[in-house]
Amino acid sequence: MTNALTLTYDFEETETGGRFIARDGAGHEAELTFSKAGTERIVADHTGVPDAFRGQGVGKALVERLITYVRAEGKKLIPLCPFVRGQLQRNPEWRDVVDQ
């Protein structure tokens, strides 16, 4: 028997940054935060995933949402967050968004 998570995903944005959020019904929350660096770059600065979500692909799902956002905005990504950098190494199809 598997223990599948039922999550809702949200996005919050301000003038200077934002975050992608995954929540379950028990009050647990995972997030990936970013800052805006001018008009052309997004800085991924933090990913936090609670123990209740670990090993379920929640962090990767947040990075996927970030990549989709960066592409849609026509911007480049500066991956300061070690988790985001690791995901970019594992998923070369996302590297087109990285600011080099």
N, C-alpha and C. Protein backbone atom coordinates (compact mmCIF):
# COMPACT_ATOMS: atom_id res chain seq x y z
N MET A 1 0.85 -1.19 0.00
CA MET A 1 0.00 0.00 0.00
C MET A 1 0.89 1.24 0.00
N THR A 2 0.60 2.17 -0.88
CA THR A 2 1.39 3.40 -0.96
C THR A 2 0.69 4.51 -0.20
N ASN A 3 1.50 5.45 0.24
CA ASN A 3 0.98 6.60 0.96
C ASN A 3 1.15 7.83 0.07
N ALA A 4 0.25 8.01 -0.87
CA ALA A 4 0.34 9.12 -1.82
C ALA A 4 -0.11 10.42 -1.15
N LEU A 5 0.65 11.45 -1.39
CA LEU A 5 0.32 12.77 -0.87
C LEU A 5 -0.73 13.43 -1.74
N THR A 6 -1.65 14.12 -1.11
CA THR A 6 -2.58 14.98 -1.83
C THR A 6 -2.19 16.40 -1.48
N LEU A 7 -1.68 17.10 -2.48
CA LEU A 7 -1.15 18.45 -2.26
C LEU A 7 -1.87 19.47 -3.11
N THR A 8 -1.86 20.69 -2.63
CA THR A 8 -2.27 21.83 -3.44
C THR A 8 -1.02 22.67 -3.66
N TYR A 9 -0.93 23.23 -4.84
CA TYR A 9 0.22 24.08 -5.18
C TYR A 9 -0.28 25.50 -5.37
N ASP A 10 0.49 26.44 -4.82
CA ASP A 10 0.16 27.85 -4.93
C ASP A 10 1.39 28.63 -5.35
N PHE A 11 1.14 29.86 -5.76
CA PHE A 11 2.20 30.77 -6.18
C PHE A 11 1.90 32.13 -5.59
N GLU A 12 2.89 32.73 -4.97
CA GLU A 12 2.76 34.09 -4.43
C GLU A 12 3.87 34.93 -5.03
N GLU A 13 3.52 36.14 -5.45
CA GLU A 13 4.51 37.02 -6.07
C GLU A 13 4.37 38.43 -5.53
N THR A 14 5.51 39.07 -5.30
CA THR A 14 5.54 40.47 -4.91
C THR A 14 6.39 41.21 -5.94
N GLU A 15 6.56 42.48 -5.73
CA GLU A 15 7.37 43.28 -6.63
C GLU A 15 8.83 42.82 -6.65
N THR A 16 9.32 42.27 -5.53
CA THR A 16 10.73 41.91 -5.42
C THR A 16 11.03 40.41 -5.43
N GLY A 17 10.00 39.57 -5.41
CA GLY A 17 10.25 38.13 -5.39
C GLY A 17 8.97 37.34 -5.31
N GLY A 18 9.10 36.13 -4.81
CA GLY A 18 7.92 35.29 -4.69
C GLY A 18 8.27 33.91 -4.20
N ARG A 19 7.26 33.04 -4.22
CA ARG A 19 7.49 31.66 -3.80
C ARG A 19 6.45 30.74 -4.40
N PHE A 20 6.89 29.51 -4.61
CA PHE A 20 6.03 28.41 -5.01
C PHE A 20 5.82 27.57 -3.77
N ILE A 21 4.59 27.14 -3.53
CA ILE A 21 4.24 26.48 -2.28
C ILE A 21 3.48 25.19 -2.57
N ALA A 22 3.79 24.16 -1.80
CA ALA A 22 3.02 22.91 -1.82
C ALA A 22 2.49 22.70 -0.41
N ARG A 23 1.19 22.43 -0.28
CA ARG A 23 0.56 22.25 1.03
C ARG A 23 -0.26 20.97 1.04
N ASP A 24 -0.28 20.35 2.22
CA ASP A 24 -1.18 19.22 2.40
C ASP A 24 -2.29 19.64 3.37
N GLY A 25 -3.22 18.76 3.61
CA GLY A 25 -4.34 19.08 4.49
C GLY A 25 -3.99 19.09 5.96
N ALA A 26 -2.78 18.64 6.32
CA ALA A 26 -2.37 18.57 7.72
C ALA A 26 -1.58 19.80 8.17
N GLY A 27 -1.45 20.79 7.29
CA GLY A 27 -0.75 22.00 7.67
C GLY A 27 0.73 22.02 7.32
N HIS A 28 1.24 20.98 6.65
CA HIS A 28 2.63 20.99 6.21
C HIS A 28 2.76 21.83 4.96
N GLU A 29 3.90 22.51 4.82
CA GLU A 29 4.11 23.38 3.68
C GLU A 29 5.56 23.28 3.21
N ALA A 30 5.75 23.10 1.92
CA ALA A 30 7.07 23.15 1.29
C ALA A 30 7.09 24.42 0.45
N GLU A 31 8.29 25.00 0.29
CA GLU A 31 8.35 26.22 -0.51
C GLU A 31 9.67 26.32 -1.25
N LEU A 32 9.61 27.03 -2.36
CA LEU A 32 10.79 27.43 -3.11
C LEU A 32 10.66 28.94 -3.28
N THR A 33 11.62 29.68 -2.73
CA THR A 33 11.54 31.13 -2.80
C THR A 33 12.51 31.67 -3.84
N PHE A 34 12.16 32.83 -4.37
CA PHE A 34 13.02 33.49 -5.34
C PHE A 34 12.96 35.00 -5.16
N SER A 35 14.01 35.63 -5.66
CA SER A 35 14.09 37.09 -5.70
C SER A 35 14.21 37.51 -7.14
N LYS A 36 13.75 38.71 -7.43
CA LYS A 36 13.90 39.26 -8.77
C LYS A 36 15.15 40.12 -8.79
N ALA A 37 16.02 39.85 -9.76
CA ALA A 37 17.26 40.60 -9.92
C ALA A 37 17.12 41.45 -11.18
N GLY A 38 16.60 42.64 -11.01
CA GLY A 38 16.33 43.48 -12.17
C GLY A 38 15.15 42.95 -12.95
N THR A 39 15.14 43.25 -14.23
CA THR A 39 14.00 42.86 -15.06
C THR A 39 14.26 41.59 -15.87
N GLU A 40 15.50 41.06 -15.82
CA GLU A 40 15.84 39.94 -16.68
C GLU A 40 16.21 38.65 -15.96
N ARG A 41 16.35 38.70 -14.63
CA ARG A 41 16.83 37.52 -13.92
C ARG A 41 15.98 37.22 -12.68
N ILE A 42 15.90 35.91 -12.40
CA ILE A 42 15.25 35.38 -11.21
C ILE A 42 16.31 34.62 -10.42
N VAL A 43 16.40 34.89 -9.12
CA VAL A 43 17.37 34.21 -8.27
C VAL A 43 16.63 33.22 -7.38
N ALA A 44 16.85 31.93 -7.61
CA ALA A 44 16.28 30.89 -6.74
C ALA A 44 17.16 30.84 -5.50
N ASP A 45 16.60 31.20 -4.34
CA ASP A 45 17.45 31.34 -3.16
C ASP A 45 17.20 30.34 -2.04
N HIS A 46 16.06 29.63 -2.06
CA HIS A 46 15.81 28.70 -0.95
C HIS A 46 14.72 27.69 -1.34
N THR A 47 14.96 26.44 -0.97
CA THR A 47 13.92 25.41 -1.07
C THR A 47 13.84 24.72 0.29
N GLY A 48 12.65 24.68 0.84
CA GLY A 48 12.43 24.02 2.12
C GLY A 48 11.33 22.99 1.99
N VAL A 49 11.64 21.74 2.34
CA VAL A 49 10.67 20.66 2.26
C VAL A 49 10.61 19.97 3.62
N PRO A 50 9.44 19.93 4.26
CA PRO A 50 9.35 19.29 5.57
C PRO A 50 9.54 17.78 5.47
N ASP A 51 9.91 17.18 6.57
CA ASP A 51 10.13 15.73 6.60
C ASP A 51 8.92 14.94 6.09
N ALA A 52 7.73 15.44 6.33
CA ALA A 52 6.51 14.74 5.90
C ALA A 52 6.44 14.60 4.38
N PHE A 53 7.16 15.43 3.63
CA PHE A 53 7.13 15.40 2.17
C PHE A 53 8.37 14.75 1.56
N ARG A 54 9.38 14.49 2.34
CA ARG A 54 10.65 14.01 1.79
C ARG A 54 10.50 12.70 1.04
N GLY A 55 11.23 12.60 -0.07
CA GLY A 55 11.21 11.39 -0.88
C GLY A 55 9.97 11.23 -1.76
N GLN A 56 9.14 12.26 -1.81
CA GLN A 56 7.88 12.19 -2.58
C GLN A 56 7.94 13.01 -3.88
N GLY A 57 9.08 13.67 -4.16
CA GLY A 57 9.20 14.46 -5.38
C GLY A 57 8.62 15.86 -5.28
N VAL A 58 8.32 16.30 -4.07
CA VAL A 58 7.70 17.62 -3.89
C VAL A 58 8.68 18.74 -4.24
N GLY A 59 9.92 18.62 -3.80
CA GLY A 59 10.92 19.64 -4.13
C GLY A 59 11.11 19.76 -5.63
N LYS A 60 11.21 18.63 -6.32
CA LYS A 60 11.36 18.65 -7.77
C LYS A 60 10.15 19.30 -8.43
N ALA A 61 8.95 19.01 -7.93
CA ALA A 61 7.74 19.62 -8.49
C ALA A 61 7.77 21.13 -8.35
N LEU A 62 8.31 21.63 -7.24
CA LEU A 62 8.43 23.08 -7.07
C LEU A 62 9.43 23.66 -8.06
N VAL A 63 10.54 22.95 -8.29
CA VAL A 63 11.53 23.42 -9.26
C VAL A 63 10.92 23.43 -10.66
N GLU A 64 10.14 22.42 -11.00
CA GLU A 64 9.47 22.39 -12.31
C GLU A 64 8.58 23.61 -12.49
N ARG A 65 7.88 23.99 -11.44
CA ARG A 65 7.03 25.18 -11.52
C ARG A 65 7.87 26.44 -11.70
N LEU A 66 9.01 26.50 -11.02
CA LEU A 66 9.92 27.64 -11.19
C LEU A 66 10.42 27.73 -12.63
N ILE A 67 10.84 26.61 -13.19
CA ILE A 67 11.36 26.59 -14.56
C ILE A 67 10.28 27.06 -15.54
N THR A 68 9.06 26.57 -15.36
CA THR A 68 7.95 26.99 -16.22
C THR A 68 7.72 28.50 -16.11
N TYR A 69 7.77 29.02 -14.89
CA TYR A 69 7.59 30.46 -14.66
C TYR A 69 8.69 31.26 -15.34
N VAL A 70 9.96 30.86 -15.15
CA VAL A 70 11.08 31.59 -15.74
C VAL A 70 10.96 31.61 -17.26
N ARG A 71 10.63 30.49 -17.85
CA ARG A 71 10.46 30.44 -19.31
C ARG A 71 9.31 31.34 -19.77
N ALA A 72 8.19 31.28 -19.08
CA ALA A 72 7.02 32.08 -19.46
C ALA A 72 7.31 33.58 -19.36
N GLU A 73 8.14 33.95 -18.41
CA GLU A 73 8.49 35.36 -18.22
C GLU A 73 9.61 35.81 -19.15
N GLY A 74 10.24 34.86 -19.86
CA GLY A 74 11.34 35.20 -20.76
C GLY A 74 12.58 35.69 -20.02
N LYS A 75 12.80 35.13 -18.82
CA LYS A 75 13.92 35.56 -17.99
C LYS A 75 14.96 34.46 -17.89
N LYS A 76 16.03 34.74 -17.17
CA LYS A 76 17.07 33.76 -16.91
C LYS A 76 17.12 33.50 -15.41
N LEU A 77 17.61 32.32 -15.04
CA LEU A 77 17.63 31.87 -13.66
C LEU A 77 19.04 31.86 -13.10
N ILE A 78 19.20 32.40 -11.92
CA ILE A 78 20.44 32.30 -11.15
C ILE A 78 20.14 31.34 -10.01
N PRO A 79 20.67 30.11 -10.05
CA PRO A 79 20.33 29.10 -9.05
C PRO A 79 21.26 29.13 -7.82
N LEU A 80 21.00 30.03 -6.89
CA LEU A 80 21.81 30.09 -5.67
C LEU A 80 21.49 28.94 -4.72
N CYS A 81 20.27 28.48 -4.73
CA CYS A 81 19.84 27.39 -3.85
C CYS A 81 20.51 26.08 -4.27
N PRO A 82 21.18 25.39 -3.33
CA PRO A 82 21.84 24.13 -3.67
C PRO A 82 20.88 23.07 -4.22
N PHE A 83 19.67 23.01 -3.71
CA PHE A 83 18.71 22.02 -4.21
C PHE A 83 18.36 22.30 -5.67
N VAL A 84 18.11 23.56 -6.00
CA VAL A 84 17.79 23.92 -7.38
C VAL A 84 18.98 23.60 -8.29
N ARG A 85 20.19 23.93 -7.86
CA ARG A 85 21.38 23.60 -8.65
C ARG A 85 21.47 22.10 -8.91
N GLY A 86 21.20 21.30 -7.88
CA GLY A 86 21.23 19.85 -8.04
C GLY A 86 20.20 19.36 -9.03
N GLN A 87 19.00 19.92 -8.98
CA GLN A 87 17.95 19.53 -9.93
C GLN A 87 18.33 19.92 -11.36
N LEU A 88 18.98 21.05 -11.53
CA LEU A 88 19.42 21.47 -12.86
C LEU A 88 20.48 20.52 -13.40
N GLN A 89 21.33 20.00 -12.54
CA GLN A 89 22.34 19.03 -12.97
C GLN A 89 21.69 17.71 -13.39
N ARG A 90 20.63 17.32 -12.69
CA ARG A 90 19.94 16.06 -12.99
C ARG A 90 18.99 16.17 -14.19
N ASN A 91 18.62 17.38 -14.55
CA ASN A 91 17.64 17.60 -15.61
C ASN A 91 18.20 18.57 -16.65
N PRO A 92 19.07 18.10 -17.53
CA PRO A 92 19.72 19.00 -18.48
C PRO A 92 18.75 19.75 -19.39
N GLU A 93 17.55 19.24 -19.56
CA GLU A 93 16.57 19.93 -20.41
C GLU A 93 16.11 21.26 -19.81
N TRP A 94 16.45 21.52 -18.57
CA TRP A 94 16.09 22.79 -17.92
C TRP A 94 17.21 23.82 -18.01
N ARG A 95 18.37 23.43 -18.44
CA ARG A 95 19.55 24.33 -18.39
C ARG A 95 19.45 25.53 -19.31
N ASP A 96 18.52 25.49 -20.26
CA ASP A 96 18.37 26.64 -21.16
C ASP A 96 17.97 27.91 -20.42
N VAL A 97 17.42 27.78 -19.22
CA VAL A 97 16.98 28.96 -18.49
C VAL A 97 18.06 29.55 -17.58
N VAL A 98 19.19 28.84 -17.45
CA VAL A 98 20.23 29.27 -16.51
C VAL A 98 21.01 30.45 -17.08
N ASP A 99 21.21 31.46 -16.25
CA ASP A 99 22.01 32.62 -16.62
C ASP A 99 23.48 32.22 -16.53
N GLN A 100 24.16 32.26 -17.68
CA GLN A 100 25.56 31.84 -17.70
C GLN A 100 26.51 32.96 -17.96
